[in-house]
Amino acid sequence: MHYRIIVFLALFISSVSSVAQIDSAVKEMRWKVTTLLMQDRSESYTEFHPTYFNGIGVKYRTRYLTVRAGVEHYGYLEDERSNRIKLGIEKGILLLDRIRPYLAAQVYTYHNKDKYYVEPSIYNNNSGYVVESNYFGVGGMYSLGLEVIITKYISLAVETRFIHESITRDSKAENFKGEFLWRDSGKRNSSKYESFGMVTFEIRLP
């Protein structure tokens, strides 16, 4: 998987180094459409476990800051799916007409659904079962990002994110015949850090 990251970064750097000076037209374009190219939800900058093309978003630049909204979807395994719907703001500063560091803050809603199987064994009286869980919650997200302007219409951006969320879980177990066994629920608060929280391709609209 590492070779994909190396190739991506090589293309990123070569694109930046070859682009001409960006003119002031960039500042007149207020709307952006973004595509989430890559995301790594781990806390390491050296051990990558990325997912690809799993989100879209839109940004609108006002006089003082940028309003942003988006959706992220994850499907790591066949029996696990999760989604975030985000809304927030960002504030940056343009350097050398094409480098833009920025800070962002967002709130989001969260939903995750997963399923796992417990095979028959002596520990469960040789009675296997399946557990389905639904997770619902809300969270806050703080990001440190860097946008590189390739042309007046196209940018690439990368973000490191700190996340705090409150999640409610509802789990239900059934045997392999579909008969109800038990139900359980709980709530947890957690904080985490995502090294490459987002690598996005951004298109400005005239």
N, C-alpha and C. Protein backbone atom coordinates (compact mmCIF):
# COMPACT_ATOMS: atom_id res chain seq x y z
N MET A 1 0.82 -1.20 0.00
CA MET A 1 0.00 0.00 0.00
C MET A 1 0.86 1.27 0.00
N HIS A 2 2.11 1.14 0.49
CA HIS A 2 2.96 2.31 0.60
C HIS A 2 3.30 2.91 -0.76
N TYR A 3 3.41 2.06 -1.80
CA TYR A 3 3.80 2.57 -3.11
C TYR A 3 2.75 3.54 -3.65
N ARG A 4 1.48 3.33 -3.30
CA ARG A 4 0.43 4.24 -3.75
C ARG A 4 0.62 5.63 -3.15
N ILE A 5 1.01 5.66 -1.88
CA ILE A 5 1.24 6.94 -1.23
C ILE A 5 2.42 7.66 -1.88
N ILE A 6 3.50 6.92 -2.18
CA ILE A 6 4.69 7.50 -2.79
C ILE A 6 4.36 8.08 -4.16
N VAL A 7 3.61 7.31 -4.96
CA VAL A 7 3.23 7.78 -6.30
C VAL A 7 2.36 9.03 -6.19
N PHE A 8 1.41 9.00 -5.26
CA PHE A 8 0.52 10.15 -5.08
C PHE A 8 1.32 11.40 -4.70
N LEU A 9 2.23 11.28 -3.75
CA LEU A 9 3.02 12.44 -3.32
C LEU A 9 3.93 12.94 -4.44
N ALA A 10 4.48 12.02 -5.24
CA ALA A 10 5.33 12.43 -6.37
C ALA A 10 4.53 13.25 -7.38
N LEU A 11 3.33 12.80 -7.69
CA LEU A 11 2.48 13.55 -8.61
C LEU A 11 2.08 14.90 -8.02
N PHE A 12 1.83 14.88 -6.73
CA PHE A 12 1.46 16.12 -6.03
C PHE A 12 2.58 17.15 -6.13
N ILE A 13 3.80 16.74 -5.82
CA ILE A 13 4.94 17.67 -5.83
C ILE A 13 5.26 18.15 -7.24
N SER A 14 5.23 17.24 -8.22
CA SER A 14 5.55 17.63 -9.59
C SER A 14 4.52 18.60 -10.15
N SER A 15 3.26 18.41 -9.76
CA SER A 15 2.21 19.31 -10.22
C SER A 15 2.41 20.71 -9.65
N VAL A 16 2.77 20.75 -8.37
CA VAL A 16 2.98 22.05 -7.72
C VAL A 16 4.17 22.78 -8.32
N SER A 17 5.26 22.08 -8.56
CA SER A 17 6.48 22.71 -9.04
C SER A 17 6.37 23.21 -10.46
N SER A 18 5.45 22.62 -11.25
CA SER A 18 5.35 22.99 -12.65
C SER A 18 4.32 24.07 -12.93
N VAL A 19 3.51 24.39 -11.95
CA VAL A 19 2.42 25.33 -12.21
C VAL A 19 2.94 26.76 -12.22
N ALA A 20 2.32 27.60 -13.02
CA ALA A 20 2.70 29.01 -13.10
C ALA A 20 2.07 29.79 -11.95
N GLN A 21 2.48 31.03 -11.83
CA GLN A 21 1.93 31.89 -10.78
C GLN A 21 0.41 32.00 -10.92
N ILE A 22 -0.31 31.87 -9.82
CA ILE A 22 -1.76 31.95 -9.84
C ILE A 22 -2.19 33.41 -9.79
N ASP A 23 -3.11 33.80 -10.69
CA ASP A 23 -3.52 35.21 -10.73
C ASP A 23 -4.64 35.48 -9.72
N SER A 24 -5.05 36.73 -9.69
CA SER A 24 -6.03 37.15 -8.68
C SER A 24 -7.42 36.60 -8.93
N ALA A 25 -7.65 35.92 -10.06
CA ALA A 25 -8.98 35.36 -10.35
C ALA A 25 -9.40 34.35 -9.29
N VAL A 26 -8.41 33.67 -8.67
CA VAL A 26 -8.73 32.69 -7.63
C VAL A 26 -9.54 33.33 -6.51
N LYS A 27 -9.18 34.54 -6.16
CA LYS A 27 -9.84 35.21 -5.04
C LYS A 27 -11.29 35.60 -5.36
N GLU A 28 -11.64 35.63 -6.64
CA GLU A 28 -13.00 36.00 -7.02
C GLU A 28 -13.95 34.82 -7.07
N MET A 29 -13.43 33.60 -7.01
CA MET A 29 -14.27 32.40 -7.09
C MET A 29 -14.65 31.96 -5.68
N ARG A 30 -15.93 31.95 -5.38
CA ARG A 30 -16.38 31.71 -4.01
C ARG A 30 -16.75 30.26 -3.74
N TRP A 31 -17.16 29.52 -4.75
CA TRP A 31 -17.62 28.14 -4.54
C TRP A 31 -16.55 27.13 -4.89
N LYS A 32 -16.50 26.06 -4.08
CA LYS A 32 -15.63 24.91 -4.37
C LYS A 32 -16.43 23.63 -4.21
N VAL A 33 -16.16 22.66 -5.07
CA VAL A 33 -16.66 21.30 -4.91
C VAL A 33 -15.46 20.42 -4.60
N THR A 34 -15.55 19.58 -3.57
CA THR A 34 -14.40 18.78 -3.14
C THR A 34 -14.71 17.29 -3.20
N THR A 35 -13.69 16.53 -3.55
CA THR A 35 -13.77 15.07 -3.56
C THR A 35 -12.70 14.53 -2.62
N LEU A 36 -13.07 13.63 -1.74
CA LEU A 36 -12.14 13.03 -0.79
C LEU A 36 -11.35 11.93 -1.50
N LEU A 37 -10.11 12.23 -1.88
CA LEU A 37 -9.28 11.28 -2.62
C LEU A 37 -8.79 10.14 -1.74
N MET A 38 -8.28 10.49 -0.56
CA MET A 38 -7.67 9.49 0.32
C MET A 38 -7.87 9.90 1.76
N GLN A 39 -7.97 8.89 2.62
CA GLN A 39 -8.12 9.15 4.05
C GLN A 39 -7.48 8.03 4.84
N ASP A 40 -6.77 8.41 5.89
CA ASP A 40 -6.16 7.43 6.79
C ASP A 40 -6.60 7.80 8.20
N ARG A 41 -7.40 6.94 8.83
CA ARG A 41 -7.95 7.26 10.15
C ARG A 41 -7.03 6.84 11.29
N SER A 42 -5.81 6.39 10.98
CA SER A 42 -4.86 6.02 12.03
C SER A 42 -4.15 7.26 12.56
N GLU A 43 -3.37 7.09 13.63
CA GLU A 43 -2.64 8.19 14.24
C GLU A 43 -1.18 8.23 13.82
N SER A 44 -0.80 7.41 12.85
CA SER A 44 0.60 7.31 12.44
C SER A 44 0.80 7.98 11.08
N TYR A 45 1.97 8.62 10.91
CA TYR A 45 2.33 9.20 9.62
C TYR A 45 3.19 8.24 8.79
N THR A 46 3.51 7.08 9.33
CA THR A 46 4.37 6.12 8.62
C THR A 46 3.68 4.80 8.32
N GLU A 47 2.68 4.42 9.11
CA GLU A 47 1.95 3.18 8.86
C GLU A 47 0.57 3.53 8.30
N PHE A 48 0.41 3.31 7.00
CA PHE A 48 -0.80 3.76 6.32
C PHE A 48 -1.83 2.65 6.20
N HIS A 49 -3.09 3.00 6.44
CA HIS A 49 -4.23 2.12 6.22
C HIS A 49 -5.33 2.95 5.56
N PRO A 50 -5.08 3.40 4.33
CA PRO A 50 -5.98 4.39 3.72
C PRO A 50 -7.22 3.78 3.09
N THR A 51 -8.22 4.63 2.93
CA THR A 51 -9.37 4.35 2.09
C THR A 51 -9.40 5.43 1.01
N TYR A 52 -10.11 5.17 -0.08
CA TYR A 52 -10.07 6.06 -1.23
C TYR A 52 -11.47 6.44 -1.70
N PHE A 53 -11.61 7.68 -2.16
CA PHE A 53 -12.83 8.17 -2.82
C PHE A 53 -14.08 7.89 -1.97
N ASN A 54 -14.05 8.31 -0.73
CA ASN A 54 -15.16 8.00 0.17
C ASN A 54 -15.82 9.24 0.77
N GLY A 55 -15.85 10.35 -0.02
CA GLY A 55 -16.52 11.52 0.49
C GLY A 55 -16.61 12.64 -0.54
N ILE A 56 -17.60 13.50 -0.37
CA ILE A 56 -17.75 14.69 -1.21
C ILE A 56 -18.09 15.87 -0.30
N GLY A 57 -17.90 17.07 -0.83
CA GLY A 57 -18.20 18.25 -0.03
C GLY A 57 -18.34 19.49 -0.88
N VAL A 58 -18.71 20.57 -0.24
CA VAL A 58 -18.83 21.86 -0.89
C VAL A 58 -18.33 22.93 0.07
N LYS A 59 -17.71 23.98 -0.47
CA LYS A 59 -17.22 25.09 0.33
C LYS A 59 -17.69 26.40 -0.30
N TYR A 60 -18.00 27.37 0.56
CA TYR A 60 -18.38 28.70 0.09
C TYR A 60 -17.59 29.74 0.87
N ARG A 61 -16.83 30.56 0.15
CA ARG A 61 -15.99 31.56 0.79
C ARG A 61 -16.75 32.87 0.94
N THR A 62 -16.87 33.34 2.19
CA THR A 62 -17.45 34.64 2.47
C THR A 62 -16.31 35.65 2.62
N ARG A 63 -16.65 36.84 3.03
CA ARG A 63 -15.63 37.88 3.16
C ARG A 63 -14.60 37.54 4.23
N TYR A 64 -15.04 36.89 5.33
CA TYR A 64 -14.15 36.69 6.46
C TYR A 64 -13.72 35.23 6.67
N LEU A 65 -14.50 34.27 6.18
CA LEU A 65 -14.17 32.86 6.39
C LEU A 65 -14.86 32.01 5.33
N THR A 66 -14.60 30.70 5.38
CA THR A 66 -15.19 29.75 4.44
C THR A 66 -16.13 28.81 5.18
N VAL A 67 -17.34 28.67 4.66
CA VAL A 67 -18.31 27.71 5.20
C VAL A 67 -18.17 26.41 4.41
N ARG A 68 -18.17 25.28 5.11
CA ARG A 68 -17.96 23.99 4.44
C ARG A 68 -18.96 22.95 4.95
N ALA A 69 -19.35 22.05 4.05
CA ALA A 69 -20.25 20.96 4.39
C ALA A 69 -19.84 19.74 3.58
N GLY A 70 -20.10 18.55 4.12
CA GLY A 70 -19.70 17.36 3.39
C GLY A 70 -20.24 16.08 4.00
N VAL A 71 -20.02 15.00 3.27
CA VAL A 71 -20.43 13.66 3.69
C VAL A 71 -19.24 12.73 3.52
N GLU A 72 -18.98 11.89 4.52
CA GLU A 72 -17.96 10.85 4.43
C GLU A 72 -18.61 9.49 4.63
N HIS A 73 -18.18 8.52 3.84
CA HIS A 73 -18.73 7.16 3.93
C HIS A 73 -17.57 6.18 4.00
N TYR A 74 -17.70 5.19 4.89
CA TYR A 74 -16.67 4.17 5.04
C TYR A 74 -17.30 2.80 4.91
N GLY A 75 -16.61 1.93 4.19
CA GLY A 75 -17.06 0.55 4.06
C GLY A 75 -15.87 -0.37 4.12
N TYR A 76 -15.27 -0.47 5.31
CA TYR A 76 -14.04 -1.25 5.45
C TYR A 76 -14.27 -2.72 5.13
N LEU A 77 -15.34 -3.27 5.68
CA LEU A 77 -15.64 -4.68 5.51
C LEU A 77 -17.05 -4.81 4.94
N GLU A 78 -17.36 -6.00 4.48
CA GLU A 78 -18.68 -6.24 3.90
C GLU A 78 -19.79 -5.96 4.91
N ASP A 79 -19.52 -6.24 6.19
CA ASP A 79 -20.55 -6.10 7.21
C ASP A 79 -20.35 -4.89 8.11
N GLU A 80 -19.64 -3.87 7.62
CA GLU A 80 -19.44 -2.66 8.43
C GLU A 80 -19.54 -1.43 7.54
N ARG A 81 -20.41 -0.51 7.89
CA ARG A 81 -20.60 0.73 7.16
C ARG A 81 -20.75 1.88 8.15
N SER A 82 -20.18 3.03 7.81
CA SER A 82 -20.37 4.20 8.67
C SER A 82 -20.40 5.47 7.83
N ASN A 83 -21.06 6.49 8.37
CA ASN A 83 -21.23 7.76 7.66
C ASN A 83 -21.09 8.93 8.62
N ARG A 84 -20.55 10.03 8.09
CA ARG A 84 -20.53 11.30 8.79
C ARG A 84 -21.14 12.36 7.89
N ILE A 85 -21.97 13.22 8.47
CA ILE A 85 -22.48 14.40 7.77
C ILE A 85 -21.95 15.61 8.52
N LYS A 86 -21.18 16.47 7.84
CA LYS A 86 -20.39 17.51 8.51
C LYS A 86 -20.83 18.92 8.08
N LEU A 87 -20.68 19.85 9.01
CA LEU A 87 -20.91 21.26 8.73
C LEU A 87 -19.96 22.07 9.59
N GLY A 88 -19.26 23.05 8.96
CA GLY A 88 -18.31 23.82 9.73
C GLY A 88 -17.77 25.03 8.99
N ILE A 89 -16.69 25.56 9.52
CA ILE A 89 -16.05 26.75 8.96
C ILE A 89 -14.55 26.51 8.88
N GLU A 90 -13.89 27.28 8.03
CA GLU A 90 -12.43 27.27 7.99
C GLU A 90 -11.92 28.68 7.74
N LYS A 91 -10.68 28.92 8.17
CA LYS A 91 -10.05 30.21 7.99
C LYS A 91 -8.60 30.00 7.64
N GLY A 92 -8.16 30.60 6.53
CA GLY A 92 -6.79 30.42 6.09
C GLY A 92 -6.17 31.72 5.62
N ILE A 93 -4.91 31.60 5.22
CA ILE A 93 -4.18 32.74 4.70
C ILE A 93 -3.43 32.30 3.45
N LEU A 94 -3.49 33.10 2.39
CA LEU A 94 -2.86 32.75 1.12
C LEU A 94 -1.43 33.26 1.09
N LEU A 95 -0.48 32.35 0.82
CA LEU A 95 0.93 32.68 0.76
C LEU A 95 1.46 32.41 -0.64
N LEU A 96 2.23 33.34 -1.19
CA LEU A 96 2.87 33.16 -2.50
C LEU A 96 1.86 32.85 -3.60
N ASP A 97 0.62 33.28 -3.41
CA ASP A 97 -0.46 33.13 -4.39
C ASP A 97 -0.90 31.69 -4.64
N ARG A 98 -0.30 30.71 -3.97
CA ARG A 98 -0.71 29.33 -4.25
C ARG A 98 -0.59 28.37 -3.07
N ILE A 99 -0.12 28.83 -1.93
CA ILE A 99 -0.03 28.00 -0.72
C ILE A 99 -0.97 28.60 0.32
N ARG A 100 -1.86 27.77 0.86
CA ARG A 100 -2.85 28.29 1.81
C ARG A 100 -2.97 27.38 3.03
N PRO A 101 -2.26 27.66 4.11
CA PRO A 101 -2.51 26.94 5.37
C PRO A 101 -3.82 27.44 5.98
N TYR A 102 -4.52 26.54 6.68
CA TYR A 102 -5.80 26.93 7.25
C TYR A 102 -6.14 26.10 8.48
N LEU A 103 -7.05 26.63 9.29
CA LEU A 103 -7.64 25.93 10.42
C LEU A 103 -9.13 25.75 10.14
N ALA A 104 -9.69 24.63 10.60
CA ALA A 104 -11.11 24.37 10.37
C ALA A 104 -11.73 23.78 11.64
N ALA A 105 -13.01 24.06 11.83
CA ALA A 105 -13.79 23.49 12.93
C ALA A 105 -15.12 23.03 12.37
N GLN A 106 -15.54 21.81 12.74
CA GLN A 106 -16.78 21.26 12.21
C GLN A 106 -17.53 20.50 13.29
N VAL A 107 -18.83 20.41 13.13
CA VAL A 107 -19.66 19.49 13.91
C VAL A 107 -20.22 18.47 12.93
N TYR A 108 -20.58 17.29 13.44
CA TYR A 108 -21.07 16.26 12.54
C TYR A 108 -21.99 15.29 13.28
N THR A 109 -22.81 14.62 12.49
CA THR A 109 -23.59 13.49 12.98
C THR A 109 -22.94 12.22 12.47
N TYR A 110 -23.12 11.15 13.23
CA TYR A 110 -22.41 9.90 12.94
C TYR A 110 -23.37 8.72 13.00
N HIS A 111 -23.23 7.81 12.04
CA HIS A 111 -23.99 6.56 12.08
C HIS A 111 -23.09 5.44 11.59
N ASN A 112 -23.07 4.36 12.35
CA ASN A 112 -22.29 3.18 11.99
C ASN A 112 -23.14 1.94 12.19
N LYS A 113 -23.02 1.01 11.27
CA LYS A 113 -23.73 -0.26 11.38
C LYS A 113 -22.74 -1.39 11.11
N ASP A 114 -22.66 -2.35 12.02
CA ASP A 114 -21.77 -3.49 11.78
C ASP A 114 -22.42 -4.79 12.25
N LYS A 115 -21.80 -5.87 11.83
CA LYS A 115 -22.31 -7.21 12.13
C LYS A 115 -21.12 -8.14 12.30
N TYR A 116 -21.16 -8.99 13.33
CA TYR A 116 -20.12 -10.00 13.46
C TYR A 116 -20.75 -11.32 13.93
N TYR A 117 -20.03 -12.38 13.64
CA TYR A 117 -20.54 -13.73 13.89
C TYR A 117 -19.71 -14.41 14.98
N VAL A 118 -20.38 -15.13 15.86
CA VAL A 118 -19.73 -15.93 16.90
C VAL A 118 -20.02 -17.40 16.59
N GLU A 119 -18.97 -18.13 16.27
CA GLU A 119 -19.13 -19.54 15.89
C GLU A 119 -19.43 -20.40 17.13
N PRO A 120 -20.13 -21.51 16.94
CA PRO A 120 -20.42 -22.43 18.06
C PRO A 120 -19.13 -22.92 18.72
N SER A 121 -19.13 -22.96 20.05
CA SER A 121 -17.97 -23.44 20.80
C SER A 121 -18.44 -23.89 22.18
N ILE A 122 -17.50 -24.43 22.94
CA ILE A 122 -17.84 -24.89 24.29
C ILE A 122 -18.15 -23.70 25.21
N TYR A 123 -17.72 -22.50 24.79
CA TYR A 123 -17.94 -21.32 25.63
C TYR A 123 -19.35 -20.75 25.47
N ASN A 124 -20.07 -21.13 24.43
CA ASN A 124 -21.45 -20.65 24.26
C ASN A 124 -22.42 -21.81 24.05
N ASN A 125 -22.10 -22.94 24.71
CA ASN A 125 -22.96 -24.13 24.66
C ASN A 125 -23.19 -24.62 23.23
N ASN A 126 -22.14 -24.46 22.41
CA ASN A 126 -22.19 -24.90 21.02
C ASN A 126 -23.36 -24.27 20.25
N SER A 127 -23.67 -23.03 20.63
CA SER A 127 -24.75 -22.31 19.96
C SER A 127 -24.20 -21.00 19.40
N GLY A 128 -23.92 -20.98 18.10
CA GLY A 128 -23.41 -19.76 17.48
C GLY A 128 -24.49 -18.71 17.33
N TYR A 129 -24.06 -17.48 17.15
CA TYR A 129 -25.03 -16.40 16.99
C TYR A 129 -24.39 -15.24 16.22
N VAL A 130 -25.22 -14.30 15.82
CA VAL A 130 -24.78 -13.11 15.10
C VAL A 130 -25.21 -11.87 15.88
N VAL A 131 -24.32 -10.89 15.96
CA VAL A 131 -24.61 -9.64 16.68
C VAL A 131 -24.62 -8.49 15.68
N GLU A 132 -25.71 -7.75 15.64
CA GLU A 132 -25.83 -6.55 14.82
C GLU A 132 -25.86 -5.33 15.73
N SER A 133 -25.04 -4.34 15.40
CA SER A 133 -24.95 -3.13 16.23
C SER A 133 -25.17 -1.89 15.39
N ASN A 134 -25.89 -0.94 15.95
CA ASN A 134 -26.07 0.38 15.36
C ASN A 134 -25.49 1.41 16.31
N TYR A 135 -24.72 2.36 15.76
CA TYR A 135 -24.11 3.42 16.54
C TYR A 135 -24.60 4.76 16.00
N PHE A 136 -25.08 5.61 16.89
CA PHE A 136 -25.53 6.95 16.52
C PHE A 136 -24.82 7.95 17.43
N GLY A 137 -24.46 9.11 16.87
CA GLY A 137 -23.81 10.08 17.72
C GLY A 137 -23.56 11.40 17.04
N VAL A 138 -22.92 12.29 17.80
CA VAL A 138 -22.52 13.60 17.32
C VAL A 138 -21.07 13.82 17.73
N GLY A 139 -20.41 14.74 17.03
CA GLY A 139 -19.02 14.99 17.35
C GLY A 139 -18.56 16.36 16.90
N GLY A 140 -17.37 16.71 17.35
CA GLY A 140 -16.70 17.93 16.93
C GLY A 140 -15.35 17.58 16.33
N MET A 141 -14.93 18.34 15.35
CA MET A 141 -13.71 18.02 14.61
C MET A 141 -12.91 19.31 14.38
N TYR A 142 -11.62 19.28 14.74
CA TYR A 142 -10.73 20.41 14.53
C TYR A 142 -9.61 19.97 13.59
N SER A 143 -9.33 20.79 12.58
CA SER A 143 -8.40 20.38 11.54
C SER A 143 -7.34 21.45 11.30
N LEU A 144 -6.12 20.97 11.01
CA LEU A 144 -5.04 21.80 10.51
C LEU A 144 -4.77 21.36 9.09
N GLY A 145 -4.94 22.26 8.12
CA GLY A 145 -4.84 21.87 6.72
C GLY A 145 -3.87 22.71 5.93
N LEU A 146 -3.50 22.17 4.76
CA LEU A 146 -2.64 22.87 3.82
C LEU A 146 -3.19 22.66 2.42
N GLU A 147 -3.57 23.75 1.77
CA GLU A 147 -4.08 23.71 0.40
C GLU A 147 -3.00 24.21 -0.55
N VAL A 148 -2.79 23.48 -1.65
CA VAL A 148 -1.86 23.89 -2.69
C VAL A 148 -2.67 24.16 -3.96
N ILE A 149 -2.60 25.37 -4.47
CA ILE A 149 -3.37 25.77 -5.65
C ILE A 149 -2.59 25.39 -6.90
N ILE A 150 -3.15 24.49 -7.70
CA ILE A 150 -2.48 24.01 -8.91
C ILE A 150 -2.75 24.95 -10.08
N THR A 151 -4.01 25.24 -10.35
CA THR A 151 -4.42 26.26 -11.31
C THR A 151 -5.48 27.11 -10.63
N LYS A 152 -6.01 28.08 -11.35
CA LYS A 152 -7.03 28.92 -10.72
C LYS A 152 -8.33 28.16 -10.49
N TYR A 153 -8.46 26.97 -11.09
CA TYR A 153 -9.66 26.16 -10.89
C TYR A 153 -9.44 24.93 -10.00
N ILE A 154 -8.22 24.50 -9.80
CA ILE A 154 -7.95 23.21 -9.16
C ILE A 154 -6.97 23.36 -8.00
N SER A 155 -7.26 22.67 -6.89
CA SER A 155 -6.37 22.62 -5.73
C SER A 155 -6.32 21.21 -5.18
N LEU A 156 -5.26 20.93 -4.43
CA LEU A 156 -5.17 19.74 -3.61
C LEU A 156 -4.96 20.19 -2.16
N ALA A 157 -5.56 19.47 -1.22
CA ALA A 157 -5.43 19.85 0.19
C ALA A 157 -5.28 18.60 1.05
N VAL A 158 -4.56 18.75 2.16
CA VAL A 158 -4.39 17.66 3.12
C VAL A 158 -4.67 18.21 4.52
N GLU A 159 -5.31 17.39 5.36
CA GLU A 159 -5.67 17.82 6.71
C GLU A 159 -5.26 16.78 7.74
N THR A 160 -4.79 17.26 8.88
CA THR A 160 -4.66 16.46 10.10
C THR A 160 -5.80 16.86 11.02
N ARG A 161 -6.47 15.86 11.64
CA ARG A 161 -7.70 16.17 12.38
C ARG A 161 -7.66 15.61 13.81
N PHE A 162 -8.25 16.39 14.72
CA PHE A 162 -8.51 15.93 16.08
C PHE A 162 -10.02 15.85 16.25
N ILE A 163 -10.52 14.72 16.77
CA ILE A 163 -11.95 14.45 16.82
C ILE A 163 -12.38 14.08 18.23
N HIS A 164 -13.49 14.63 18.66
CA HIS A 164 -14.14 14.21 19.90
C HIS A 164 -15.59 13.89 19.59
N GLU A 165 -16.08 12.73 20.05
CA GLU A 165 -17.44 12.33 19.70
C GLU A 165 -18.11 11.60 20.86
N SER A 166 -19.44 11.64 20.84
CA SER A 166 -20.27 10.94 21.81
C SER A 166 -21.17 9.99 21.03
N ILE A 167 -21.05 8.68 21.33
CA ILE A 167 -21.70 7.65 20.53
C ILE A 167 -22.62 6.79 21.42
N THR A 168 -23.83 6.54 20.94
CA THR A 168 -24.76 5.62 21.59
C THR A 168 -24.85 4.35 20.76
N ARG A 169 -24.73 3.20 21.44
CA ARG A 169 -24.75 1.90 20.76
C ARG A 169 -25.99 1.11 21.12
N ASP A 170 -26.56 0.45 20.11
CA ASP A 170 -27.68 -0.47 20.32
C ASP A 170 -27.35 -1.78 19.61
N SER A 171 -27.21 -2.87 20.37
CA SER A 171 -26.80 -4.17 19.83
C SER A 171 -27.89 -5.21 20.05
N LYS A 172 -28.02 -6.10 19.08
CA LYS A 172 -29.01 -7.18 19.16
C LYS A 172 -28.37 -8.47 18.67
N ALA A 173 -28.61 -9.56 19.39
CA ALA A 173 -28.06 -10.87 19.02
C ALA A 173 -29.18 -11.83 18.66
N GLU A 174 -28.93 -12.63 17.61
CA GLU A 174 -29.85 -13.69 17.19
C GLU A 174 -29.04 -14.94 16.90
N ASN A 175 -29.66 -16.09 17.08
CA ASN A 175 -28.97 -17.32 16.69
C ASN A 175 -29.05 -17.48 15.18
N PHE A 176 -28.41 -18.51 14.66
CA PHE A 176 -28.34 -18.68 13.22
C PHE A 176 -29.69 -19.02 12.60
N LYS A 177 -30.69 -19.30 13.43
CA LYS A 177 -32.05 -19.53 12.94
C LYS A 177 -32.88 -18.25 12.89
N GLY A 178 -32.27 -17.14 13.35
CA GLY A 178 -32.99 -15.87 13.36
C GLY A 178 -33.80 -15.63 14.61
N GLU A 179 -33.59 -16.44 15.64
CA GLU A 179 -34.33 -16.29 16.89
C GLU A 179 -33.62 -15.30 17.81
N PHE A 180 -34.38 -14.41 18.42
CA PHE A 180 -33.82 -13.38 19.28
C PHE A 180 -33.17 -13.99 20.53
N LEU A 181 -31.97 -13.48 20.88
CA LEU A 181 -31.26 -13.96 22.07
C LEU A 181 -31.16 -12.88 23.15
N TRP A 182 -30.62 -11.74 22.80
CA TRP A 182 -30.47 -10.67 23.79
C TRP A 182 -30.29 -9.32 23.10
N ARG A 183 -30.43 -8.26 23.88
CA ARG A 183 -30.25 -6.89 23.40
C ARG A 183 -29.45 -6.12 24.43
N ASP A 184 -28.60 -5.21 23.95
CA ASP A 184 -27.73 -4.45 24.85
C ASP A 184 -27.53 -3.05 24.27
N SER A 185 -27.28 -2.08 25.12
CA SER A 185 -27.03 -0.72 24.67
C SER A 185 -26.01 -0.06 25.59
N GLY A 186 -25.43 1.03 25.12
CA GLY A 186 -24.44 1.74 25.91
C GLY A 186 -24.07 3.06 25.27
N LYS A 187 -23.30 3.85 25.98
CA LYS A 187 -22.87 5.15 25.49
C LYS A 187 -21.41 5.37 25.85
N ARG A 188 -20.68 6.00 24.94
CA ARG A 188 -19.27 6.26 25.21
C ARG A 188 -18.86 7.60 24.60
N ASN A 189 -17.89 8.24 25.23
CA ASN A 189 -17.25 9.43 24.69
C ASN A 189 -15.81 9.09 24.35
N SER A 190 -15.32 9.58 23.24
CA SER A 190 -13.96 9.25 22.84
C SER A 190 -13.33 10.42 22.10
N SER A 191 -12.01 10.46 22.15
CA SER A 191 -11.22 11.44 21.40
C SER A 191 -10.17 10.70 20.61
N LYS A 192 -9.89 11.17 19.41
CA LYS A 192 -8.88 10.52 18.58
C LYS A 192 -8.26 11.53 17.63
N TYR A 193 -7.16 11.08 17.04
CA TYR A 193 -6.35 11.91 16.18
C TYR A 193 -6.17 11.18 14.86
N GLU A 194 -6.37 11.86 13.74
CA GLU A 194 -6.20 11.25 12.42
C GLU A 194 -5.09 11.97 11.68
N SER A 195 -4.00 11.24 11.39
CA SER A 195 -2.83 11.84 10.77
C SER A 195 -3.15 12.45 9.41
N PHE A 196 -3.61 11.62 8.48
CA PHE A 196 -4.05 12.11 7.17
C PHE A 196 -5.58 12.01 7.15
N GLY A 197 -6.23 12.92 7.90
CA GLY A 197 -7.68 12.86 8.00
C GLY A 197 -8.38 13.04 6.67
N MET A 198 -7.81 13.89 5.80
CA MET A 198 -8.38 14.10 4.48
C MET A 198 -7.29 14.51 3.50
N VAL A 199 -7.31 13.93 2.31
CA VAL A 199 -6.58 14.45 1.16
C VAL A 199 -7.63 14.68 0.08
N THR A 200 -7.86 15.94 -0.27
CA THR A 200 -8.98 16.27 -1.14
C THR A 200 -8.54 16.94 -2.43
N PHE A 201 -9.33 16.70 -3.48
CA PHE A 201 -9.21 17.36 -4.77
C PHE A 201 -10.33 18.39 -4.83
N GLU A 202 -9.97 19.66 -5.06
CA GLU A 202 -10.95 20.74 -4.98
C GLU A 202 -11.06 21.48 -6.31
N ILE A 203 -12.28 21.72 -6.75
CA ILE A 203 -12.54 22.42 -8.01
C ILE A 203 -13.28 23.71 -7.70
N ARG A 204 -12.75 24.83 -8.16
CA ARG A 204 -13.42 26.12 -8.00
C ARG A 204 -14.42 26.32 -9.14
N LEU A 205 -15.54 26.91 -8.79
CA LEU A 205 -16.57 27.20 -9.78
C LEU A 205 -16.57 28.69 -10.09
N PRO A 206 -16.57 29.06 -11.37
CA PRO A 206 -16.54 30.48 -11.73
C PRO A 206 -17.86 31.17 -11.39
